[in-house]
Amino acid sequence: MSRPKGIGEQIAKETTVQIDGMMSIFDGAGVEKQIKRRDGVVRVDANFLSGAATIVYDETRVVLDDINRLILCGINCGGSFCQHLLKSS
C-alpha cells in the first residue's frame, strides 16, 4: 500500500492547473511568486509555454480556490503585493 506524500503530519497534494492569459515568462514568474507567498504551498512550477502550473500544497492549510485567486493576481499584478488579497472573499 503506497503512502501519500507527507509534510510532517499533513498531506501534500499535487495538482496541475491550466492558466489562460500567460503571455510571457514574466507572467509565469508572477504566478509563481504570488502562489509561493501563501502558507501551505510547498512548490510551484508555472510554465507560460504550456499555459499550466504544477502546485504542491498542504490541503489542510490552503484550498484550490485560494490558489486560483493567486493565479489571477500573478497574471494581473505580477510579483507585486496585491492589496485586494487582504480583503476576505
C-alpha atoms as a PDB file:
ATOM      1  CA  MET A   1       0.000   0.000   0.000  1.00  0.00           C
ATOM      2  CA  SER A   2       1.525   3.341  -1.022  1.00  0.00           C
ATOM      3  CA  ARG A   3       1.567   6.228   1.405  1.00  0.00           C
ATOM      4  CA  PRO A   4       0.561   9.734   0.319  1.00  0.00           C
ATOM      5  CA  LYS A   5       3.263  12.385   0.217  1.00  0.00           C
ATOM      6  CA  GLY A   6       3.526  13.874   3.681  1.00  0.00           C
ATOM      7  CA  ILE A   7       4.607  17.201   5.124  1.00  0.00           C
ATOM      8  CA  GLY A   8       5.110  16.302   8.740  1.00  0.00           C
ATOM      9  CA  GLU A   9       1.677  15.055   9.723  1.00  0.00           C
ATOM     10  CA  GLN A  10      -0.118  16.884   6.914  1.00  0.00           C
ATOM     11  CA  ILE A  11      -0.795  15.597   3.431  1.00  0.00           C
ATOM     12  CA  ALA A  12       0.655  17.270   0.347  1.00  0.00           C
ATOM     13  CA  LYS A  13      -1.470  17.361  -2.757  1.00  0.00           C
ATOM     14  CA  GLU A  14      -0.072  17.940  -6.230  1.00  0.00           C
ATOM     15  CA  THR A  15      -2.257  19.457  -8.899  1.00  0.00           C
ATOM     16  CA  THR A  16      -1.718  20.896 -12.358  1.00  0.00           C
ATOM     17  CA  VAL A  17      -3.927  23.777 -13.427  1.00  0.00           C
ATOM     18  CA  GLN A  18      -4.335  25.273 -16.880  1.00  0.00           C
ATOM     19  CA  ILE A  19      -3.817  29.043 -16.915  1.00  0.00           C
ATOM     20  CA  ASP A  20      -5.245  31.244 -19.640  1.00  0.00           C
ATOM     21  CA  GLY A  21      -3.588  34.596 -20.177  1.00  0.00           C
ATOM     22  CA  MET A  22       0.087  33.898 -19.504  1.00  0.00           C
ATOM     23  CA  MET A  23       1.794  35.722 -22.352  1.00  0.00           C
ATOM     24  CA  SER A  24       5.432  35.752 -21.242  1.00  0.00           C
ATOM     25  CA  ILE A  25       7.959  34.325 -18.841  1.00  0.00           C
ATOM     26  CA  PHE A  26       7.203  37.300 -16.594  1.00  0.00           C
ATOM     27  CA  ASP A  27       3.596  36.163 -16.196  1.00  0.00           C
ATOM     28  CA  GLY A  28       4.812  32.712 -15.156  1.00  0.00           C
ATOM     29  CA  ALA A  29       7.219  34.273 -12.654  1.00  0.00           C
ATOM     30  CA  GLY A  30       4.427  36.464 -11.272  1.00  0.00           C
ATOM     31  CA  VAL A  31       2.155  33.458 -10.837  1.00  0.00           C
ATOM     32  CA  GLU A  32       4.898  31.540  -9.029  1.00  0.00           C
ATOM     33  CA  LYS A  33       5.725  34.473  -6.763  1.00  0.00           C
ATOM     34  CA  GLN A  34       2.107  35.068  -5.734  1.00  0.00           C
ATOM     35  CA  ILE A  35       1.368  31.409  -5.040  1.00  0.00           C
ATOM     36  CA  LYS A  36       4.608  30.852  -3.102  1.00  0.00           C
ATOM     37  CA  ARG A  37       3.607  33.638  -0.698  1.00  0.00           C
ATOM     38  CA  ARG A  38       0.708  31.534   0.574  1.00  0.00           C
ATOM     39  CA  ASP A  39       1.365  29.485   3.699  1.00  0.00           C
ATOM     40  CA  GLY A  40       0.867  25.826   2.931  1.00  0.00           C
ATOM     41  CA  VAL A  41       2.285  25.952  -0.594  1.00  0.00           C
ATOM     42  CA  VAL A  42       5.289  23.656  -0.911  1.00  0.00           C
ATOM     43  CA  ARG A  43       6.304  24.065  -4.572  1.00  0.00           C
ATOM     44  CA  VAL A  44       5.137  25.867  -7.705  1.00  0.00           C
ATOM     45  CA  ASP A  45       6.265  25.479 -11.297  1.00  0.00           C
ATOM     46  CA  ALA A  46       4.459  27.750 -13.767  1.00  0.00           C
ATOM     47  CA  ASN A  47       5.241  27.458 -17.470  1.00  0.00           C
ATOM     48  CA  PHE A  48       3.889  30.104 -19.814  1.00  0.00           C
ATOM     49  CA  LEU A  49       4.693  27.994 -22.891  1.00  0.00           C
ATOM     50  CA  SER A  50       2.442  25.162 -21.767  1.00  0.00           C
ATOM     51  CA  GLY A  51      -0.018  27.525 -20.073  1.00  0.00           C
ATOM     52  CA  ALA A  52      -0.014  25.443 -16.913  1.00  0.00           C
ATOM     53  CA  ALA A  53       1.268  25.409 -13.358  1.00  0.00           C
ATOM     54  CA  THR A  54       2.032  22.425 -11.164  1.00  0.00           C
ATOM     55  CA  ILE A  55       1.478  23.175  -7.495  1.00  0.00           C
ATOM     56  CA  VAL A  56       2.250  21.067  -4.445  1.00  0.00           C
ATOM     57  CA  TYR A  57       0.369  22.258  -1.385  1.00  0.00           C
ATOM     58  CA  ASP A  58      -0.856  21.203   2.030  1.00  0.00           C
ATOM     59  CA  GLU A  59      -4.585  20.842   1.535  1.00  0.00           C
ATOM     60  CA  THR A  60      -5.174  21.256   5.270  1.00  0.00           C
ATOM     61  CA  ARG A  61      -3.796  24.822   5.040  1.00  0.00           C
ATOM     62  CA  VAL A  62      -4.767  26.066   1.582  1.00  0.00           C
ATOM     63  CA  VAL A  63      -7.628  25.326  -0.804  1.00  0.00           C
ATOM     64  CA  LEU A  64      -7.640  25.318  -4.580  1.00  0.00           C
ATOM     65  CA  ASP A  65      -9.936  28.374  -4.704  1.00  0.00           C
ATOM     66  CA  ASP A  66      -7.220  30.403  -2.923  1.00  0.00           C
ATOM     67  CA  ILE A  67      -4.639  29.186  -5.424  1.00  0.00           C
ATOM     68  CA  ASN A  68      -6.870  30.120  -8.359  1.00  0.00           C
ATOM     69  CA  ARG A  69      -7.273  33.628  -6.929  1.00  0.00           C
ATOM     70  CA  LEU A  70      -3.498  33.920  -6.564  1.00  0.00           C
ATOM     71  CA  ILE A  71      -3.023  32.808 -10.173  1.00  0.00           C
ATOM     72  CA  LEU A  72      -5.158  35.730 -11.343  1.00  0.00           C
ATOM     73  CA  CYS A  73      -3.117  38.058  -9.160  1.00  0.00           C
ATOM     74  CA  GLY A  74       0.104  36.666 -10.582  1.00  0.00           C
ATOM     75  CA  ILE A  75      -1.017  37.476 -14.105  1.00  0.00           C
ATOM     76  CA  ASN A  76      -2.658  40.830 -13.356  1.00  0.00           C
ATOM     77  CA  CYS A  77      -0.407  42.140 -10.571  1.00  0.00           C
ATOM     78  CA  GLY A  78       2.822  40.272 -11.361  1.00  0.00           C
ATOM     79  CA  GLY A  79       5.081  39.854  -8.393  1.00  0.00           C
ATOM     80  CA  SER A  80       3.704  42.923  -6.631  1.00  0.00           C
ATOM     81  CA  PHE A  81       1.907  42.542  -3.329  1.00  0.00           C
ATOM     82  CA  CYS A  82      -1.820  42.681  -4.047  1.00  0.00           C
ATOM     83  CA  GLN A  83      -3.802  44.767  -1.576  1.00  0.00           C
ATOM     84  CA  HIS A  84      -7.033  43.119  -2.715  1.00  0.00           C
ATOM     85  CA  LEU A  85      -5.773  39.804  -1.310  1.00  0.00           C
ATOM     86  CA  LEU A  86      -6.193  41.240   2.168  1.00  0.00           C
ATOM     87  CA  LYS A  87      -9.949  41.507   1.614  1.00  0.00           C
ATOM     88  CA  SER A  88     -11.951  38.469   2.649  1.00  0.00           C
ATOM     89  CA  SER A  89     -13.811  36.715  -0.130  1.00  0.00           C
END
